[in-house]
Amino acid sequence: DVDDYAYAAASTAVHRILGDLDDETFTA
């Protein structure tokens, strides 16, 4: 149950930080 939450939350957190970057900036 913890894993189910944490996997989704971790993906959400990183996506909200890097998700709008273009590939070049993302890679940097």
PDB file of all heavy atoms in Angstrom:
ATOM      1  N   ASP A   1       0.825  -1.199   0.000  1.00  0.00           N
ATOM      2  CA  ASP A   1       0.000   0.000   0.000  1.00  0.00           C
ATOM      3  C   ASP A   1       0.864   1.256   0.000  1.00  0.00           C
ATOM      4  O   ASP A   1       0.580   2.224  -0.709  1.00  0.00           O
ATOM      5  CB  ASP A   1      -0.940   0.001   1.209  1.00  0.00           C
ATOM      6  CG  ASP A   1      -1.996  -1.086   1.122  1.00  0.00           C
ATOM      7  OD1 ASP A   1      -2.454  -1.370  -0.009  1.00  0.00           O
ATOM      8  OD2 ASP A   1      -2.360  -1.649   2.172  1.00  0.00           O
ATOM      9  N   VAL A   2       1.936   1.242   0.794  1.00  0.00           N
ATOM     10  CA  VAL A   2       2.867   2.366   0.812  1.00  0.00           C
ATOM     11  C   VAL A   2       3.547   2.500  -0.548  1.00  0.00           C
ATOM     12  O   VAL A   2       3.688   3.602  -1.098  1.00  0.00           O
ATOM     13  CB  VAL A   2       3.910   2.194   1.928  1.00  0.00           C
ATOM     14  CG1 VAL A   2       5.012   3.253   1.804  1.00  0.00           C
ATOM     15  CG2 VAL A   2       3.252   2.289   3.295  1.00  0.00           C
ATOM     16  N   ASP A   3       3.988   1.365  -1.105  1.00  0.00           N
ATOM     17  CA  ASP A   3       4.634   1.404  -2.415  1.00  0.00           C
ATOM     18  C   ASP A   3       3.703   1.953  -3.492  1.00  0.00           C
ATOM     19  O   ASP A   3       4.117   2.729  -4.352  1.00  0.00           O
ATOM     20  CB  ASP A   3       5.113   0.005  -2.811  1.00  0.00           C
ATOM     21  CG  ASP A   3       6.409  -0.387  -2.122  1.00  0.00           C
ATOM     22  OD1 ASP A   3       6.987   0.468  -1.429  1.00  0.00           O
ATOM     23  OD2 ASP A   3       6.834  -1.545  -2.282  1.00  0.00           O
ATOM     24  N   ASP A   4       2.455   1.529  -3.461  1.00  0.00           N
ATOM     25  CA  ASP A   4       1.502   2.025  -4.454  1.00  0.00           C
ATOM     26  C   ASP A   4       1.428   3.550  -4.417  1.00  0.00           C
ATOM     27  O   ASP A   4       1.403   4.213  -5.458  1.00  0.00           O
ATOM     28  CB  ASP A   4       0.109   1.436  -4.200  1.00  0.00           C
ATOM     29  CG  ASP A   4       0.004  -0.013  -4.636  1.00  0.00           C
ATOM     30  OD1 ASP A   4       0.851  -0.450  -5.443  1.00  0.00           O
ATOM     31  OD2 ASP A   4      -0.913  -0.709  -4.164  1.00  0.00           O
ATOM     32  N   TYR A   5       1.366   4.102  -3.208  1.00  0.00           N
ATOM     33  CA  TYR A   5       1.324   5.554  -3.088  1.00  0.00           C
ATOM     34  C   TYR A   5       2.646   6.178  -3.525  1.00  0.00           C
ATOM     35  O   TYR A   5       2.675   7.138  -4.312  1.00  0.00           O
ATOM     36  CB  TYR A   5       1.023   5.962  -1.643  1.00  0.00           C
ATOM     37  CG  TYR A   5       1.237   7.444  -1.429  1.00  0.00           C
ATOM     38  CD1 TYR A   5       0.245   8.347  -1.761  1.00  0.00           C
ATOM     39  CD2 TYR A   5       2.460   7.931  -0.954  1.00  0.00           C
ATOM     40  CE1 TYR A   5       0.444   9.716  -1.614  1.00  0.00           C
ATOM     41  CE2 TYR A   5       2.674   9.289  -0.807  1.00  0.00           C
ATOM     42  CZ  TYR A   5       1.666  10.179  -1.138  1.00  0.00           C
ATOM     43  OH  TYR A   5       1.870  11.518  -1.005  1.00  0.00           O
ATOM     44  N   ALA A   6       3.763   5.651  -3.013  1.00  0.00           N
ATOM     45  CA  ALA A   6       5.058   6.311  -3.194  1.00  0.00           C
ATOM     46  C   ALA A   6       5.523   6.282  -4.644  1.00  0.00           C
ATOM     47  O   ALA A   6       6.109   7.265  -5.127  1.00  0.00           O
ATOM     48  CB  ALA A   6       6.098   5.661  -2.284  1.00  0.00           C
ATOM     49  N   TYR A   7       5.302   5.184  -5.352  1.00  0.00           N
ATOM     50  CA  TYR A   7       5.683   5.158  -6.766  1.00  0.00           C
ATOM     51  C   TYR A   7       4.964   6.263  -7.528  1.00  0.00           C
ATOM     52  O   TYR A   7       5.562   6.995  -8.326  1.00  0.00           O
ATOM     53  CB  TYR A   7       5.367   3.804  -7.389  1.00  0.00           C
ATOM     54  CG  TYR A   7       6.462   2.778  -7.249  1.00  0.00           C
ATOM     55  CD1 TYR A   7       6.320   1.688  -6.395  1.00  0.00           C
ATOM     56  CD2 TYR A   7       7.641   2.886  -7.968  1.00  0.00           C
ATOM     57  CE1 TYR A   7       7.317   0.736  -6.267  1.00  0.00           C
ATOM     58  CE2 TYR A   7       8.651   1.945  -7.838  1.00  0.00           C
ATOM     59  CZ  TYR A   7       8.487   0.865  -6.997  1.00  0.00           C
ATOM     60  OH  TYR A   7       9.482  -0.073  -6.868  1.00  0.00           O
ATOM     61  N   ALA A   8       3.669   6.385  -7.299  1.00  0.00           N
ATOM     62  CA  ALA A   8       2.893   7.407  -8.002  1.00  0.00           C
ATOM     63  C   ALA A   8       3.305   8.809  -7.563  1.00  0.00           C
ATOM     64  O   ALA A   8       3.415   9.734  -8.380  1.00  0.00           O
ATOM     65  CB  ALA A   8       1.403   7.187  -7.760  1.00  0.00           C
ATOM     66  N   ALA A   9       3.553   8.994  -6.271  1.00  0.00           N
ATOM     67  CA  ALA A   9       3.933  10.310  -5.766  1.00  0.00           C
ATOM     68  C   ALA A   9       5.314  10.722  -6.274  1.00  0.00           C
ATOM     69  O   ALA A   9       5.539  11.889  -6.621  1.00  0.00           O
ATOM     70  CB  ALA A   9       3.913  10.310  -4.239  1.00  0.00           C
ATOM     71  N   ALA A  10       6.246   9.782  -6.324  1.00  0.00           N
ATOM     72  CA  ALA A  10       7.594  10.085  -6.809  1.00  0.00           C
ATOM     73  C   ALA A  10       7.557  10.501  -8.275  1.00  0.00           C
ATOM     74  O   ALA A  10       8.206  11.477  -8.691  1.00  0.00           O
ATOM     75  CB  ALA A  10       8.503   8.880  -6.628  1.00  0.00           C
ATOM     76  N   SER A  11       6.799   9.756  -9.066  1.00  0.00           N
ATOM     77  CA  SER A  11       6.651  10.116 -10.478  1.00  0.00           C
ATOM     78  C   SER A  11       6.014  11.491 -10.623  1.00  0.00           C
ATOM     79  O   SER A  11       6.436  12.321 -11.443  1.00  0.00           O
ATOM     80  CB  SER A  11       5.806   9.059 -11.190  1.00  0.00           C
ATOM     81  OG  SER A  11       5.544   9.430 -12.519  1.00  0.00           O
ATOM     82  N   THR A  12       5.013  11.763  -9.812  1.00  0.00           N
ATOM     83  CA  THR A  12       4.334  13.056  -9.867  1.00  0.00           C
ATOM     84  C   THR A  12       5.282  14.196  -9.510  1.00  0.00           C
ATOM     85  O   THR A  12       5.332  15.229 -10.192  1.00  0.00           O
ATOM     86  CB  THR A  12       3.135  13.055  -8.899  1.00  0.00           C
ATOM     87  OG1 THR A  12       2.199  12.045  -9.301  1.00  0.00           O
ATOM     88  CG2 THR A  12       2.444  14.404  -8.880  1.00  0.00           C
ATOM     89  N   ALA A  13       6.059  14.021  -8.453  1.00  0.00           N
ATOM     90  CA  ALA A  13       6.959  15.082  -8.000  1.00  0.00           C
ATOM     91  C   ALA A  13       8.014  15.408  -9.056  1.00  0.00           C
ATOM     92  O   ALA A  13       8.240  16.583  -9.385  1.00  0.00           O
ATOM     93  CB  ALA A  13       7.626  14.667  -6.689  1.00  0.00           C
ATOM     94  N   VAL A  14       8.665  14.387  -9.589  1.00  0.00           N
ATOM     95  CA  VAL A  14       9.715  14.635 -10.583  1.00  0.00           C
ATOM     96  C   VAL A  14       9.121  15.216 -11.862  1.00  0.00           C
ATOM     97  O   VAL A  14       9.689  16.123 -12.477  1.00  0.00           O
ATOM     98  CB  VAL A  14      10.504  13.346 -10.874  1.00  0.00           C
ATOM     99  CG1 VAL A  14      11.501  13.565 -12.003  1.00  0.00           C
ATOM    100  CG2 VAL A  14      11.232  12.878  -9.621  1.00  0.00           C
ATOM    101  N   HIS A  15       7.943  14.715 -12.246  1.00  0.00           N
ATOM    102  CA  HIS A  15       7.309  15.237 -13.461  1.00  0.00           C
ATOM    103  C   HIS A  15       6.942  16.705 -13.303  1.00  0.00           C
ATOM    104  O   HIS A  15       7.111  17.504 -14.238  1.00  0.00           O
ATOM    105  CB  HIS A  15       6.064  14.423 -13.799  1.00  0.00           C
ATOM    106  CG  HIS A  15       5.332  14.935 -15.008  1.00  0.00           C
ATOM    107  ND1 HIS A  15       5.798  14.743 -16.289  1.00  0.00           N
ATOM    108  CD2 HIS A  15       4.189  15.652 -15.128  1.00  0.00           C
ATOM    109  CE1 HIS A  15       4.969  15.311 -17.145  1.00  0.00           C
ATOM    110  NE2 HIS A  15       3.990  15.866 -16.466  1.00  0.00           N
ATOM    111  N   ARG A  16       6.472  17.103 -12.138  1.00  0.00           N
ATOM    112  CA  ARG A  16       6.083  18.498 -11.943  1.00  0.00           C
ATOM    113  C   ARG A  16       7.292  19.430 -11.897  1.00  0.00           C
ATOM    114  O   ARG A  16       7.166  20.625 -12.127  1.00  0.00           O
ATOM    115  CB  ARG A  16       5.230  18.634 -10.688  1.00  0.00           C
ATOM    116  CG  ARG A  16       3.867  17.977 -10.862  1.00  0.00           C
ATOM    117  CD  ARG A  16       2.925  18.232  -9.708  1.00  0.00           C
ATOM    118  NE  ARG A  16       1.628  17.601  -9.967  1.00  0.00           N
ATOM    119  CZ  ARG A  16       0.610  17.631  -9.127  1.00  0.00           C
ATOM    120  NH1 ARG A  16       0.728  18.260  -7.948  1.00  0.00           N
ATOM    121  NH2 ARG A  16      -0.531  17.029  -9.426  1.00  0.00           N
ATOM    122  N   ILE A  17       8.452  18.877 -11.634  1.00  0.00           N
ATOM    123  CA  ILE A  17       9.669  19.695 -11.664  1.00  0.00           C
ATOM    124  C   ILE A  17      10.261  19.745 -13.072  1.00  0.00           C
ATOM    125  O   ILE A  17      10.608  20.810 -13.583  1.00  0.00           O
ATOM    126  CB  ILE A  17      10.705  19.151 -10.663  1.00  0.00           C
ATOM    127  CG1 ILE A  17      10.185  19.304  -9.229  1.00  0.00           C
ATOM    128  CG2 ILE A  17      12.038  19.874 -10.813  1.00  0.00           C
ATOM    129  CD1 ILE A  17      11.054  18.635  -8.184  1.00  0.00           C
ATOM    130  N   LEU A  18      10.375  18.593 -13.738  1.00  0.00           N
ATOM    131  CA  LEU A  18      11.068  18.524 -15.020  1.00  0.00           C
ATOM    132  C   LEU A  18      10.149  18.364 -16.223  1.00  0.00           C
ATOM    133  O   LEU A  18      10.608  18.460 -17.363  1.00  0.00           O
ATOM    134  CB  LEU A  18      12.056  17.344 -15.019  1.00  0.00           C
ATOM    135  CG  LEU A  18      13.114  17.314 -13.924  1.00  0.00           C
ATOM    136  CD1 LEU A  18      14.035  16.115 -14.129  1.00  0.00           C
ATOM    137  CD2 LEU A  18      13.914  18.601 -13.901  1.00  0.00           C
ATOM    138  N   GLY A  19       8.881  18.140 -15.990  1.00  0.00           N
ATOM    139  CA  GLY A  19       7.993  17.740 -17.073  1.00  0.00           C
ATOM    140  C   GLY A  19       7.835  18.754 -18.184  1.00  0.00           C
ATOM    141  O   GLY A  19       7.614  18.381 -19.342  1.00  0.00           O
ATOM    142  N   ASP A  20       7.948  20.035 -17.899  1.00  0.00           N
ATOM    143  CA  ASP A  20       7.733  21.060 -18.919  1.00  0.00           C
ATOM    144  C   ASP A  20       9.016  21.458 -19.646  1.00  0.00           C
ATOM    145  O   ASP A  20       8.984  22.319 -20.531  1.00  0.00           O
ATOM    146  CB  ASP A  20       7.106  22.306 -18.289  1.00  0.00           C
ATOM    147  CG  ASP A  20       5.668  22.057 -17.832  1.00  0.00           C
ATOM    148  OD1 ASP A  20       5.021  21.154 -18.389  1.00  0.00           O
ATOM    149  OD2 ASP A  20       5.217  22.751 -16.905  1.00  0.00           O
ATOM    150  N   LEU A  21      10.135  20.862 -19.291  1.00  0.00           N
ATOM    151  CA  LEU A  21      11.396  21.216 -19.936  1.00  0.00           C
ATOM    152  C   LEU A  21      11.497  20.567 -21.307  1.00  0.00           C
ATOM    153  O   LEU A  21      11.031  19.441 -21.513  1.00  0.00           O
ATOM    154  CB  LEU A  21      12.580  20.769 -19.079  1.00  0.00           C
ATOM    155  CG  LEU A  21      12.685  21.363 -17.668  1.00  0.00           C
ATOM    156  CD1 LEU A  21      13.905  20.808 -16.962  1.00  0.00           C
ATOM    157  CD2 LEU A  21      12.733  22.881 -17.716  1.00  0.00           C
ATOM    158  N   ASP A  22      12.141  21.258 -22.252  1.00  0.00           N
ATOM    159  CA  ASP A  22      12.431  20.610 -23.532  1.00  0.00           C
ATOM    160  C   ASP A  22      13.526  19.566 -23.313  1.00  0.00           C
ATOM    161  O   ASP A  22      14.186  19.540 -22.272  1.00  0.00           O
ATOM    162  CB  ASP A  22      12.860  21.645 -24.576  1.00  0.00           C
ATOM    163  CG  ASP A  22      14.085  22.444 -24.142  1.00  0.00           C
ATOM    164  OD1 ASP A  22      15.161  21.851 -23.929  1.00  0.00           O
ATOM    165  OD2 ASP A  22      13.960  23.670 -23.997  1.00  0.00           O
ATOM    166  N   ASP A  23      13.720  18.708 -24.296  1.00  0.00           N
ATOM    167  CA  ASP A  23      14.650  17.590 -24.128  1.00  0.00           C
ATOM    168  C   ASP A  23      16.068  18.070 -23.819  1.00  0.00           C
ATOM    169  O   ASP A  23      16.773  17.465 -22.996  1.00  0.00           O
ATOM    170  CB  ASP A  23      14.670  16.713 -25.377  1.00  0.00           C
ATOM    171  CG  ASP A  23      13.490  15.757 -25.441  1.00  0.00           C
ATOM    172  OD1 ASP A  23      12.693  15.749 -24.478  1.00  0.00           O
ATOM    173  OD2 ASP A  23      13.359  15.032 -26.442  1.00  0.00           O
ATOM    174  N   GLU A  24      16.499  19.146 -24.461  1.00  0.00           N
ATOM    175  CA  GLU A  24      17.861  19.623 -24.250  1.00  0.00           C
ATOM    176  C   GLU A  24      18.074  20.070 -22.809  1.00  0.00           C
ATOM    177  O   GLU A  24      19.082  19.727 -22.170  1.00  0.00           O
ATOM    178  CB  GLU A  24      18.170  20.768 -25.217  1.00  0.00           C
ATOM    179  CG  GLU A  24      19.593  21.293 -25.103  1.00  0.00           C
ATOM    180  CD  GLU A  24      19.886  22.408 -26.084  1.00  0.00           C
ATOM    181  OE1 GLU A  24      18.982  22.738 -26.892  1.00  0.00           O
ATOM    182  OE2 GLU A  24      21.001  22.963 -26.050  1.00  0.00           O
ATOM    183  N   THR A  25      17.132  20.826 -22.281  1.00  0.00           N
ATOM    184  CA  THR A  25      17.257  21.302 -20.903  1.00  0.00           C
ATOM    185  C   THR A  25      17.067  20.148 -19.920  1.00  0.00           C
ATOM    186  O   THR A  25      17.762  20.074 -18.899  1.00  0.00           O
ATOM    187  CB  THR A  25      16.228  22.407 -20.629  1.00  0.00           C
ATOM    188  OG1 THR A  25      16.328  23.405 -21.641  1.00  0.00           O
ATOM    189  CG2 THR A  25      16.460  23.041 -19.275  1.00  0.00           C
ATOM    190  N   PHE A  26      16.116  19.271 -20.223  1.00  0.00           N
ATOM    191  CA  PHE A  26      15.915  18.085 -19.395  1.00  0.00           C
ATOM    192  C   PHE A  26      17.223  17.306 -19.280  1.00  0.00           C
ATOM    193  O   PHE A  26      17.637  16.906 -18.185  1.00  0.00           O
ATOM    194  CB  PHE A  26      14.821  17.212 -20.017  1.00  0.00           C
ATOM    195  CG  PHE A  26      14.557  15.917 -19.297  1.00  0.00           C
ATOM    196  CD1 PHE A  26      13.625  15.840 -18.273  1.00  0.00           C
ATOM    197  CD2 PHE A  26      15.239  14.760 -19.650  1.00  0.00           C
ATOM    198  CE1 PHE A  26      13.384  14.644 -17.614  1.00  0.00           C
ATOM    199  CE2 PHE A  26      15.009  13.563 -19.004  1.00  0.00           C
ATOM    200  CZ  PHE A  26      14.068  13.497 -17.984  1.00  0.00           C
ATOM    201  N   THR A  27      17.883  17.110 -20.407  1.00  0.00           N
ATOM    202  CA  THR A  27      19.137  16.357 -20.397  1.00  0.00           C
ATOM    203  C   THR A  27      20.214  17.084 -19.607  1.00  0.00           C
ATOM    204  O   THR A  27      21.009  16.447 -18.901  1.00  0.00           O
ATOM    205  CB  THR A  27      19.612  16.114 -21.841  1.00  0.00           C
ATOM    206  OG1 THR A  27      18.629  15.340 -22.531  1.00  0.00           O
ATOM    207  CG2 THR A  27      20.942  15.365 -21.878  1.00  0.00           C
ATOM    208  N   ALA A  28      20.250  18.390 -19.700  1.00  0.00           N
ATOM    209  CA  ALA A  28      21.256  19.153 -18.953  1.00  0.00           C
ATOM    210  C   ALA A  28      21.115  18.915 -17.451  1.00  0.00           C
ATOM    211  O   ALA A  28      22.111  18.748 -16.732  1.00  0.00           O
ATOM    212  CB  ALA A  28      21.125  20.641 -19.272  1.00  0.00           C
TER     213      ALA A  28
END
